[in-house]
N, C-alpha and C. Protein backbone atom coordinates (compact mmCIF):
# COMPACT_ATOMS: atom_id res chain seq x y z
N MET A 1 74.43 21.00 94.05
CA MET A 1 74.88 19.76 94.65
C MET A 1 75.69 20.09 95.91
N ALA A 2 75.53 19.28 96.93
CA ALA A 2 76.25 19.49 98.19
C ALA A 2 77.61 18.81 98.14
N LEU A 3 78.49 19.24 99.05
CA LEU A 3 79.80 18.62 99.14
C LEU A 3 79.67 17.15 99.54
N ALA A 4 80.49 16.32 98.95
CA ALA A 4 80.52 14.90 99.31
C ALA A 4 81.51 14.74 100.47
N ILE A 5 80.97 14.61 101.66
CA ILE A 5 81.79 14.49 102.87
C ILE A 5 81.44 13.19 103.56
N ASP A 6 82.46 12.42 103.91
CA ASP A 6 82.27 11.16 104.65
C ASP A 6 82.89 11.33 106.03
N ILE A 7 82.05 11.25 107.05
CA ILE A 7 82.50 11.46 108.42
C ILE A 7 82.70 10.12 109.11
N GLY A 8 83.92 9.89 109.57
CA GLY A 8 84.26 8.68 110.31
C GLY A 8 84.42 9.00 111.78
N PRO A 9 84.80 8.02 112.60
CA PRO A 9 84.92 8.25 114.04
C PRO A 9 86.04 9.25 114.40
N ASP A 10 87.10 9.31 113.61
CA ASP A 10 88.19 10.24 113.92
C ASP A 10 88.78 10.87 112.66
N GLU A 11 87.98 10.94 111.59
CA GLU A 11 88.46 11.55 110.35
C GLU A 11 87.30 11.99 109.47
N VAL A 12 87.62 12.90 108.55
CA VAL A 12 86.65 13.38 107.57
C VAL A 12 87.30 13.22 106.21
N THR A 13 86.60 12.55 105.29
CA THR A 13 87.11 12.36 103.94
C THR A 13 86.29 13.24 103.00
N PHE A 14 86.98 13.92 102.07
CA PHE A 14 86.31 14.84 101.16
C PHE A 14 87.12 14.98 99.88
N ARG A 15 86.50 15.59 98.88
CA ARG A 15 87.16 15.80 97.59
C ARG A 15 87.42 17.28 97.37
N VAL A 16 88.52 17.55 96.65
CA VAL A 16 88.91 18.92 96.33
C VAL A 16 89.28 18.98 94.85
N ARG A 17 88.94 20.07 94.22
CA ARG A 17 89.36 20.36 92.85
C ARG A 17 90.21 21.62 92.94
N VAL A 18 91.47 21.56 92.51
CA VAL A 18 92.36 22.71 92.63
C VAL A 18 92.48 23.45 91.31
N ALA A 19 92.71 24.75 91.43
CA ALA A 19 92.98 25.62 90.29
C ALA A 19 94.33 26.29 90.57
N PRO A 20 95.44 25.69 90.12
CA PRO A 20 96.76 26.26 90.40
C PRO A 20 97.02 27.54 89.60
N ARG A 21 98.05 28.26 90.02
CA ARG A 21 98.50 29.49 89.36
C ARG A 21 97.42 30.58 89.33
N ALA A 22 96.63 30.64 90.38
CA ALA A 22 95.61 31.69 90.50
C ALA A 22 96.26 32.97 91.02
N SER A 23 95.54 34.07 90.95
CA SER A 23 96.08 35.34 91.43
C SER A 23 96.12 35.42 92.96
N ARG A 24 95.26 34.65 93.62
CA ARG A 24 95.27 34.60 95.09
C ARG A 24 94.69 33.28 95.57
N VAL A 25 95.03 32.91 96.79
CA VAL A 25 94.53 31.67 97.38
C VAL A 25 93.15 31.95 97.97
N ARG A 26 92.17 31.14 97.55
CA ARG A 26 90.82 31.30 98.08
C ARG A 26 89.97 30.11 97.71
N CYS A 27 88.88 29.97 98.42
CA CYS A 27 87.93 28.90 98.14
C CYS A 27 86.90 29.45 97.15
N LEU A 28 86.65 28.71 96.09
CA LEU A 28 85.71 29.13 95.05
C LEU A 28 84.35 28.47 95.22
N GLY A 29 84.14 27.77 96.33
CA GLY A 29 82.86 27.13 96.59
C GLY A 29 82.84 25.67 96.19
N GLU A 30 81.64 25.15 96.01
CA GLU A 30 81.43 23.75 95.67
C GLU A 30 81.38 23.59 94.15
N HIS A 31 81.99 22.52 93.65
CA HIS A 31 81.98 22.22 92.22
C HIS A 31 81.83 20.71 92.06
N ASP A 32 80.65 20.27 91.65
CA ASP A 32 80.40 18.85 91.38
C ASP A 32 80.72 17.95 92.58
N GLY A 33 80.30 18.37 93.76
CA GLY A 33 80.52 17.59 94.97
C GLY A 33 81.87 17.77 95.63
N ALA A 34 82.73 18.56 95.02
CA ALA A 34 84.07 18.81 95.57
C ALA A 34 84.23 20.28 95.93
N LEU A 35 85.13 20.54 96.84
CA LEU A 35 85.47 21.90 97.22
C LEU A 35 86.48 22.43 96.20
N LYS A 36 86.19 23.55 95.54
CA LYS A 36 87.10 24.09 94.54
C LYS A 36 87.96 25.18 95.19
N ILE A 37 89.28 25.02 95.08
CA ILE A 37 90.20 25.94 95.74
C ILE A 37 91.22 26.47 94.73
N ALA A 38 91.35 27.78 94.69
CA ALA A 38 92.34 28.44 93.84
C ALA A 38 93.63 28.59 94.64
N LEU A 39 94.75 28.22 94.02
CA LEU A 39 96.06 28.29 94.67
C LEU A 39 97.01 29.11 93.82
N THR A 40 97.86 29.90 94.43
CA THR A 40 98.83 30.69 93.68
C THR A 40 100.02 29.83 93.24
N ALA A 41 100.25 28.75 93.93
CA ALA A 41 101.40 27.88 93.63
C ALA A 41 101.22 27.14 92.31
N PRO A 42 102.32 26.92 91.59
CA PRO A 42 102.24 26.13 90.36
C PRO A 42 102.21 24.64 90.69
N PRO A 43 101.70 23.81 89.77
CA PRO A 43 101.66 22.37 90.02
C PRO A 43 103.00 21.71 89.70
N VAL A 44 104.06 22.18 90.35
CA VAL A 44 105.42 21.69 90.10
C VAL A 44 106.06 21.28 91.41
N ASP A 45 106.66 20.10 91.43
CA ASP A 45 107.41 19.61 92.59
C ASP A 45 106.59 19.63 93.89
N GLY A 46 105.29 19.41 93.80
CA GLY A 46 104.46 19.34 94.99
C GLY A 46 104.11 20.68 95.61
N ALA A 47 104.44 21.78 94.94
CA ALA A 47 104.18 23.11 95.51
C ALA A 47 102.68 23.36 95.71
N ALA A 48 101.88 22.99 94.73
CA ALA A 48 100.43 23.19 94.85
C ALA A 48 99.85 22.32 95.96
N ASN A 49 100.32 21.09 96.08
CA ASN A 49 99.83 20.20 97.15
C ASN A 49 100.18 20.77 98.52
N ALA A 50 101.38 21.27 98.68
CA ALA A 50 101.79 21.86 99.96
C ALA A 50 100.94 23.09 100.28
N ALA A 51 100.68 23.93 99.27
CA ALA A 51 99.85 25.11 99.47
C ALA A 51 98.42 24.71 99.83
N LEU A 52 97.92 23.65 99.21
CA LEU A 52 96.58 23.16 99.50
C LEU A 52 96.47 22.68 100.95
N VAL A 53 97.43 21.90 101.39
CA VAL A 53 97.43 21.39 102.77
C VAL A 53 97.51 22.54 103.77
N THR A 54 98.35 23.53 103.49
CA THR A 54 98.48 24.69 104.37
C THR A 54 97.16 25.45 104.46
N PHE A 55 96.54 25.70 103.31
CA PHE A 55 95.26 26.43 103.28
C PHE A 55 94.18 25.67 104.05
N LEU A 56 94.05 24.38 103.78
CA LEU A 56 93.00 23.60 104.43
C LEU A 56 93.23 23.46 105.93
N ALA A 57 94.47 23.27 106.35
CA ALA A 57 94.76 23.15 107.78
C ALA A 57 94.32 24.42 108.51
N LYS A 58 94.64 25.56 107.94
CA LYS A 58 94.25 26.83 108.58
C LYS A 58 92.73 27.00 108.57
N ALA A 59 92.10 26.70 107.44
CA ALA A 59 90.66 26.89 107.31
C ALA A 59 89.87 25.93 108.19
N LEU A 60 90.39 24.73 108.39
CA LEU A 60 89.66 23.72 109.17
C LEU A 60 90.07 23.69 110.64
N GLY A 61 91.11 24.44 110.99
CA GLY A 61 91.55 24.50 112.39
C GLY A 61 92.22 23.24 112.87
N VAL A 62 92.97 22.59 111.97
CA VAL A 62 93.71 21.38 112.33
C VAL A 62 95.18 21.57 111.95
N PRO A 63 96.09 20.79 112.53
CA PRO A 63 97.49 20.89 112.13
C PRO A 63 97.69 20.38 110.69
N LYS A 64 98.72 20.87 110.04
CA LYS A 64 99.02 20.42 108.67
C LYS A 64 99.24 18.92 108.61
N THR A 65 99.77 18.35 109.66
CA THR A 65 100.04 16.91 109.68
C THR A 65 98.74 16.09 109.73
N ALA A 66 97.61 16.73 110.05
CA ALA A 66 96.34 16.03 110.10
C ALA A 66 95.67 15.91 108.74
N ILE A 67 96.16 16.66 107.75
CA ILE A 67 95.60 16.64 106.39
C ILE A 67 96.47 15.76 105.52
N ALA A 68 95.85 14.83 104.78
CA ALA A 68 96.60 13.96 103.88
C ALA A 68 95.86 13.84 102.55
N ILE A 69 96.63 13.91 101.47
CA ILE A 69 96.08 13.67 100.13
C ILE A 69 96.14 12.16 99.92
N VAL A 70 94.99 11.54 99.77
CA VAL A 70 94.94 10.08 99.64
C VAL A 70 94.68 9.61 98.21
N ARG A 71 94.29 10.54 97.34
CA ARG A 71 94.02 10.19 95.95
C ARG A 71 94.24 11.41 95.06
N GLY A 72 94.88 11.21 93.91
CA GLY A 72 95.04 12.28 92.93
C GLY A 72 96.15 13.26 93.24
N GLU A 73 97.22 12.77 93.81
CA GLU A 73 98.32 13.67 94.20
C GLU A 73 98.85 14.48 93.02
N ARG A 74 98.81 13.91 91.82
CA ARG A 74 99.32 14.61 90.63
C ARG A 74 98.20 15.10 89.71
N ALA A 75 96.97 15.15 90.22
CA ALA A 75 95.82 15.56 89.42
C ALA A 75 95.15 16.79 90.04
N LYS A 76 94.28 17.42 89.27
CA LYS A 76 93.54 18.58 89.80
C LYS A 76 92.45 18.13 90.77
N SER A 77 91.88 16.96 90.54
CA SER A 77 90.87 16.41 91.44
C SER A 77 91.56 15.51 92.45
N LYS A 78 91.32 15.77 93.72
CA LYS A 78 92.03 15.06 94.78
C LYS A 78 91.06 14.55 95.84
N GLY A 79 91.44 13.47 96.48
CA GLY A 79 90.72 12.98 97.64
C GLY A 79 91.58 13.25 98.86
N LEU A 80 90.99 13.82 99.89
CA LEU A 80 91.74 14.16 101.10
C LEU A 80 91.07 13.60 102.33
N VAL A 81 91.86 13.46 103.37
CA VAL A 81 91.35 13.06 104.67
C VAL A 81 91.92 14.03 105.71
N ALA A 82 91.04 14.43 106.63
CA ALA A 82 91.46 15.27 107.75
C ALA A 82 91.23 14.45 109.02
N ARG A 83 92.31 14.14 109.72
CA ARG A 83 92.20 13.37 110.97
C ARG A 83 92.01 14.35 112.12
N THR A 84 91.01 14.08 112.94
CA THR A 84 90.66 15.00 114.01
C THR A 84 89.89 14.28 115.11
N SER A 85 89.91 14.84 116.29
CA SER A 85 89.13 14.28 117.40
C SER A 85 87.69 14.78 117.36
N ASP A 86 87.41 15.79 116.52
CA ASP A 86 86.05 16.34 116.39
C ASP A 86 85.65 16.42 114.91
N PRO A 87 85.32 15.26 114.30
CA PRO A 87 85.02 15.25 112.87
C PRO A 87 83.79 16.07 112.49
N GLU A 88 82.81 16.17 113.38
CA GLU A 88 81.61 16.96 113.07
C GLU A 88 81.95 18.44 112.89
N ALA A 89 82.83 18.97 113.72
CA ALA A 89 83.23 20.37 113.62
C ALA A 89 83.99 20.63 112.32
N VAL A 90 84.87 19.71 111.95
CA VAL A 90 85.65 19.85 110.71
C VAL A 90 84.70 19.76 109.51
N ALA A 91 83.74 18.86 109.54
CA ALA A 91 82.76 18.75 108.46
C ALA A 91 81.95 20.02 108.32
N GLU A 92 81.60 20.62 109.44
CA GLU A 92 80.83 21.88 109.41
C GLU A 92 81.67 23.01 108.80
N ARG A 93 82.96 23.06 109.11
CA ARG A 93 83.84 24.06 108.51
C ARG A 93 83.98 23.84 107.00
N LEU A 94 84.03 22.58 106.59
CA LEU A 94 84.07 22.27 105.16
C LEU A 94 82.81 22.76 104.46
N ARG A 95 81.66 22.49 105.07
CA ARG A 95 80.40 22.94 104.48
C ARG A 95 80.34 24.46 104.38
N ALA A 96 80.88 25.15 105.37
CA ALA A 96 80.90 26.61 105.34
C ALA A 96 81.81 27.12 104.22
N LEU A 97 82.93 26.44 104.00
CA LEU A 97 83.83 26.82 102.89
C LEU A 97 83.15 26.64 101.54
N GLY A 98 82.35 25.59 101.42
CA GLY A 98 81.68 25.30 100.15
C GLY A 98 80.48 26.16 99.86
N ALA A 99 79.99 26.87 100.87
CA ALA A 99 78.78 27.70 100.69
C ALA A 99 79.04 28.93 99.85
């Protein structure tokens, strides 16, 4: 199954499944239409969410302020949006992460 990515005029919406308390931060590929990401941070006091935003901002080449968790802030499955002036490029980077 391919990643579920919705490309808008100035944003990209996508889903992520996190695996907190991993041995290292890395992308584990696509899982049921979502990008699966292992994080070393525990799911306590927003630490895993902050680590997720930092990882994605670097991987997608956007500032951390451009990434927002819009659904599932306290869950392993999350909905995110990346605001950007070049949504096609960000979508392509997401697809490369999921490969």
